[in-house]
């Protein structure tokens, strides 16, 4: 029986046998019995390569982060995960630059917190009330401060 660690474009976790092209992380979401017990833990939602430097680890080890899998990059981005800075640096730089251009910010000082940080995936309650991503990019929030984008080291 497949584990409930495949992510849909809406960010929901499902148990299907399909293999993922990318692996992601939202923190420790499972218990000792490998059951999903929370939607997320922390704000670092990333999407990594499935094979990095030959690293191998058992899935859903108690007390360790929950390995999540995405069918493709479009699914990972739609679910609110950004490219990993360690294993997908070029993609992460392109992602950062695209967010900065959308926000009218300097790419050298802008750093996206996570792809879905524009507020639509911020909590399970928001998740259940909004079933699709926003139609526009990051929303302005007082001056140069934007949700989902860190400018000059500030959130």
C-alpha atoms as a PDB file:
ATOM      1  CA  UNK A   1       0.000   0.000   0.000  1.00  0.00           C
ATOM      2  CA  UNK A   2       1.455   3.399  -0.971  1.00  0.00           C
ATOM      3  CA  UNK A   3       2.282   5.961   1.698  1.00  0.00           C
ATOM      4  CA  UNK A   4       0.290   9.191   1.903  1.00  0.00           C
ATOM      5  CA  UNK A   5       3.200  11.349   0.746  1.00  0.00           C
ATOM      6  CA  UNK A   6       2.319  12.327  -2.833  1.00  0.00           C
ATOM      7  CA  UNK A   7       1.375  16.001  -3.198  1.00  0.00           C
ATOM      8  CA  UNK A   8      -1.415  17.269  -5.455  1.00  0.00           C
ATOM      9  CA  UNK A   9      -1.283  20.715  -7.122  1.00  0.00           C
ATOM     10  CA  UNK A  10      -3.600  21.910  -4.321  1.00  0.00           C
ATOM     11  CA  UNK A  11      -1.063  20.851  -1.678  1.00  0.00           C
ATOM     12  CA  UNK A  12      -3.085  17.910  -0.394  1.00  0.00           C
ATOM     13  CA  UNK A  13      -1.291  14.673   0.492  1.00  0.00           C
ATOM     14  CA  UNK A  14      -2.604  11.503  -1.125  1.00  0.00           C
ATOM     15  CA  UNK A  15      -1.620   7.825  -1.214  1.00  0.00           C
ATOM     16  CA  UNK A  16      -1.132   6.811  -4.849  1.00  0.00           C
ATOM     17  CA  UNK A  17       1.474   4.499  -6.424  1.00  0.00           C
ATOM     18  CA  UNK A  18       2.701   7.141  -8.923  1.00  0.00           C
ATOM     19  CA  UNK A  19       6.400   7.967  -8.630  1.00  0.00           C
ATOM     20  CA  UNK A  20       7.471  11.575  -8.258  1.00  0.00           C
ATOM     21  CA  UNK A  21      10.009  13.515 -10.291  1.00  0.00           C
ATOM     22  CA  UNK A  22      10.826  15.775  -7.310  1.00  0.00           C
ATOM     23  CA  UNK A  23      10.956  15.314  -3.563  1.00  0.00           C
ATOM     24  CA  UNK A  24       9.769  17.942  -1.093  1.00  0.00           C
ATOM     25  CA  UNK A  25       9.736  18.804   2.558  1.00  0.00           C
ATOM     26  CA  UNK A  26       7.360  20.632   4.929  1.00  0.00           C
ATOM     27  CA  UNK A  27       8.848  19.368   8.195  1.00  0.00           C
ATOM     28  CA  UNK A  28       7.805  16.380  10.318  1.00  0.00           C
ATOM     29  CA  UNK A  29       4.226  15.598   9.289  1.00  0.00           C
ATOM     30  CA  UNK A  30       3.979  11.928  10.313  1.00  0.00           C
ATOM     31  CA  UNK A  31       3.832   9.967  13.550  1.00  0.00           C
ATOM     32  CA  UNK A  32       5.699   6.774  14.524  1.00  0.00           C
ATOM     33  CA  UNK A  33       3.139   4.709  12.580  1.00  0.00           C
ATOM     34  CA  UNK A  34       3.836   6.671   9.347  1.00  0.00           C
ATOM     35  CA  UNK A  35       0.423   8.363   9.470  1.00  0.00           C
ATOM     36  CA  UNK A  36       0.161  12.012   8.400  1.00  0.00           C
ATOM     37  CA  UNK A  37      -0.860  14.021  11.473  1.00  0.00           C
ATOM     38  CA  UNK A  38      -0.333  17.639  10.344  1.00  0.00           C
ATOM     39  CA  UNK A  39      -0.441  19.736   7.172  1.00  0.00           C
ATOM     40  CA  UNK A  40       2.918  21.444   7.642  1.00  0.00           C
ATOM     41  CA  UNK A  41       5.573  22.313  10.188  1.00  0.00           C
ATOM     42  CA  UNK A  42       7.569  25.439   9.470  1.00  0.00           C
ATOM     43  CA  UNK A  43       7.722  27.697   6.459  1.00  0.00           C
ATOM     44  CA  UNK A  44      10.543  26.191   4.418  1.00  0.00           C
ATOM     45  CA  UNK A  45       8.610  24.356   1.744  1.00  0.00           C
ATOM     46  CA  UNK A  46      11.135  23.104  -0.783  1.00  0.00           C
ATOM     47  CA  UNK A  47      11.250  20.856  -3.832  1.00  0.00           C
ATOM     48  CA  UNK A  48      14.455  18.852  -4.311  1.00  0.00           C
ATOM     49  CA  UNK A  49      15.876  16.408  -6.804  1.00  0.00           C
ATOM     50  CA  UNK A  50      15.119  12.804  -5.902  1.00  0.00           C
ATOM     51  CA  UNK A  51      18.774  11.799  -6.316  1.00  0.00           C
ATOM     52  CA  UNK A  52      21.307  14.106  -4.664  1.00  0.00           C
ATOM     53  CA  UNK A  53      24.900  12.945  -4.225  1.00  0.00           C
ATOM     54  CA  UNK A  54      23.738   9.331  -3.843  1.00  0.00           C
ATOM     55  CA  UNK A  55      21.929  10.065  -0.566  1.00  0.00           C
ATOM     56  CA  UNK A  56      19.468   7.386   0.510  1.00  0.00           C
ATOM     57  CA  UNK A  57      17.223   7.309   3.577  1.00  0.00           C
ATOM     58  CA  UNK A  58      14.214   5.305   4.727  1.00  0.00           C
ATOM     59  CA  UNK A  59      10.900   7.057   4.154  1.00  0.00           C
ATOM     60  CA  UNK A  60       9.041   8.576   7.122  1.00  0.00           C
ATOM     61  CA  UNK A  61      11.641   7.834   9.778  1.00  0.00           C
ATOM     62  CA  UNK A  62      10.164   8.736  13.208  1.00  0.00           C
ATOM     63  CA  UNK A  63      11.197  12.244  14.262  1.00  0.00           C
ATOM     64  CA  UNK A  64      12.717  13.122  10.849  1.00  0.00           C
ATOM     65  CA  UNK A  65      11.174  15.224   8.092  1.00  0.00           C
ATOM     66  CA  UNK A  66       8.457  13.663   5.942  1.00  0.00           C
ATOM     67  CA  UNK A  67       9.578  12.973   2.391  1.00  0.00           C
ATOM     68  CA  UNK A  68       6.934  14.277  -0.017  1.00  0.00           C
ATOM     69  CA  UNK A  69       6.854  13.600  -3.754  1.00  0.00           C
ATOM     70  CA  UNK A  70       5.597  15.671  -6.705  1.00  0.00           C
ATOM     71  CA  UNK A  71       4.725  14.382 -10.157  1.00  0.00           C
ATOM     72  CA  UNK A  72       6.606  17.330 -11.730  1.00  0.00           C
ATOM     73  CA  UNK A  73       7.834  20.877 -11.100  1.00  0.00           C
ATOM     74  CA  UNK A  74       4.498  22.457 -12.032  1.00  0.00           C
ATOM     75  CA  UNK A  75       2.818  20.397  -9.296  1.00  0.00           C
ATOM     76  CA  UNK A  76       5.478  21.386  -6.739  1.00  0.00           C
ATOM     77  CA  UNK A  77       5.143  25.099  -7.535  1.00  0.00           C
ATOM     78  CA  UNK A  78       1.341  24.972  -7.566  1.00  0.00           C
ATOM     79  CA  UNK A  79       1.410  23.248  -4.155  1.00  0.00           C
ATOM     80  CA  UNK A  80       3.540  26.085  -2.765  1.00  0.00           C
ATOM     81  CA  UNK A  81       7.061  24.611  -2.797  1.00  0.00           C
ATOM     82  CA  UNK A  82      10.090  26.535  -4.084  1.00  0.00           C
ATOM     83  CA  UNK A  83      13.235  25.023  -5.661  1.00  0.00           C
ATOM     84  CA  UNK A  84      15.922  23.880  -3.207  1.00  0.00           C
ATOM     85  CA  UNK A  85      19.027  26.085  -2.973  1.00  0.00           C
ATOM     86  CA  UNK A  86      21.345  23.107  -2.433  1.00  0.00           C
ATOM     87  CA  UNK A  87      20.426  20.659  -5.176  1.00  0.00           C
ATOM     88  CA  UNK A  88      18.533  22.950  -7.613  1.00  0.00           C
ATOM     89  CA  UNK A  89      20.511  26.190  -7.326  1.00  0.00           C
ATOM     90  CA  UNK A  90      19.981  27.338 -10.939  1.00  0.00           C
ATOM     91  CA  UNK A  91      16.212  26.779 -10.634  1.00  0.00           C
ATOM     92  CA  UNK A  92      16.188  28.559  -7.253  1.00  0.00           C
ATOM     93  CA  UNK A  93      17.965  31.588  -8.743  1.00  0.00           C
ATOM     94  CA  UNK A  94      15.495  31.744 -11.648  1.00  0.00           C
ATOM     95  CA  UNK A  95      12.611  31.420  -9.193  1.00  0.00           C
ATOM     96  CA  UNK A  96      14.007  34.215  -6.995  1.00  0.00           C
ATOM     97  CA  UNK A  97      14.533  36.487 -10.010  1.00  0.00           C
ATOM     98  CA  UNK A  98      10.994  35.866 -11.295  1.00  0.00           C
ATOM     99  CA  UNK A  99       9.526  36.771  -7.881  1.00  0.00           C
ATOM    100  CA  UNK A 100      11.674  39.888  -7.716  1.00  0.00           C
ATOM    101  CA  UNK A 101      10.606  40.994 -11.220  1.00  0.00           C
ATOM    102  CA  UNK A 102       6.944  40.424 -10.328  1.00  0.00           C
ATOM    103  CA  UNK A 103       7.397  42.529  -7.177  1.00  0.00           C
ATOM    104  CA  UNK A 104       9.486  45.250  -8.834  1.00  0.00           C
ATOM    105  CA  UNK A 105      12.362  44.468  -6.451  1.00  0.00           C
ATOM    106  CA  UNK A 106      16.107  44.113  -6.845  1.00  0.00           C
ATOM    107  CA  UNK A 107      16.858  40.412  -7.483  1.00  0.00           C
ATOM    108  CA  UNK A 108      20.141  40.720  -5.565  1.00  0.00           C
ATOM    109  CA  UNK A 109      18.317  41.439  -2.290  1.00  0.00           C
ATOM    110  CA  UNK A 110      15.000  39.623  -2.818  1.00  0.00           C
ATOM    111  CA  UNK A 111      14.591  36.088  -1.485  1.00  0.00           C
ATOM    112  CA  UNK A 112      11.294  34.159  -1.770  1.00  0.00           C
ATOM    113  CA  UNK A 113      10.311  32.449   1.472  1.00  0.00           C
ATOM    114  CA  UNK A 114       8.336  29.794  -0.404  1.00  0.00           C
ATOM    115  CA  UNK A 115       6.351  29.548  -3.595  1.00  0.00           C
ATOM    116  CA  UNK A 116       2.952  29.582  -1.914  1.00  0.00           C
ATOM    117  CA  UNK A 117       3.755  32.332   0.552  1.00  0.00           C
ATOM    118  CA  UNK A 118       1.339  34.775  -1.079  1.00  0.00           C
ATOM    119  CA  UNK A 119      -1.082  33.677   1.621  1.00  0.00           C
ATOM    120  CA  UNK A 120      -3.253  31.137  -0.180  1.00  0.00           C
ATOM    121  CA  UNK A 121      -1.555  28.076   1.366  1.00  0.00           C
ATOM    122  CA  UNK A 122      -0.719  29.454   4.779  1.00  0.00           C
ATOM    123  CA  UNK A 123      -2.809  27.143   6.964  1.00  0.00           C
ATOM    124  CA  UNK A 124      -5.142  24.152   6.804  1.00  0.00           C
ATOM    125  CA  UNK A 125      -8.094  26.529   7.293  1.00  0.00           C
ATOM    126  CA  UNK A 126      -6.971  28.699   4.365  1.00  0.00           C
ATOM    127  CA  UNK A 127      -6.300  25.497   2.421  1.00  0.00           C
ATOM    128  CA  UNK A 128      -9.861  24.295   2.833  1.00  0.00           C
ATOM    129  CA  UNK A 129     -11.422  27.652   1.975  1.00  0.00           C
ATOM    130  CA  UNK A 130      -9.332  28.405  -1.137  1.00  0.00           C
ATOM    131  CA  UNK A 131      -8.890  25.599  -3.609  1.00  0.00           C
ATOM    132  CA  UNK A 132      -6.809  27.307  -6.311  1.00  0.00           C
ATOM    133  CA  UNK A 133      -3.742  29.524  -6.526  1.00  0.00           C
ATOM    134  CA  UNK A 134      -4.094  33.296  -6.837  1.00  0.00           C
ATOM    135  CA  UNK A 135      -4.488  34.735 -10.325  1.00  0.00           C
ATOM    136  CA  UNK A 136      -1.768  37.333  -9.725  1.00  0.00           C
ATOM    137  CA  UNK A 137       1.723  37.399  -8.269  1.00  0.00           C
ATOM    138  CA  UNK A 138       2.771  38.551  -4.791  1.00  0.00           C
ATOM    139  CA  UNK A 139       0.422  41.003  -3.118  1.00  0.00           C
ATOM    140  CA  UNK A 140       1.775  44.392  -1.951  1.00  0.00           C
ATOM    141  CA  UNK A 141       1.751  44.736   1.813  1.00  0.00           C
ATOM    142  CA  UNK A 142       2.831  48.161   2.999  1.00  0.00           C
ATOM    143  CA  UNK A 143       5.700  49.810   1.181  1.00  0.00           C
ATOM    144  CA  UNK A 144       8.236  47.354  -0.188  1.00  0.00           C
ATOM    145  CA  UNK A 145       7.188  44.572   2.122  1.00  0.00           C
ATOM    146  CA  UNK A 146       5.466  41.688   0.320  1.00  0.00           C
ATOM    147  CA  UNK A 147       4.032  38.417   1.544  1.00  0.00           C
ATOM    148  CA  UNK A 148       6.160  35.540   0.282  1.00  0.00           C
ATOM    149  CA  UNK A 149       9.109  37.743  -0.635  1.00  0.00           C
ATOM    150  CA  UNK A 150      11.874  38.828   1.668  1.00  0.00           C
ATOM    151  CA  UNK A 151      13.375  42.166   0.655  1.00  0.00           C
ATOM    152  CA  UNK A 152      16.616  43.331   2.204  1.00  0.00           C
ATOM    153  CA  UNK A 153      16.505  40.589   4.867  1.00  0.00           C
ATOM    154  CA  UNK A 154      13.056  41.609   6.176  1.00  0.00           C
ATOM    155  CA  UNK A 155       9.834  39.679   5.818  1.00  0.00           C
END
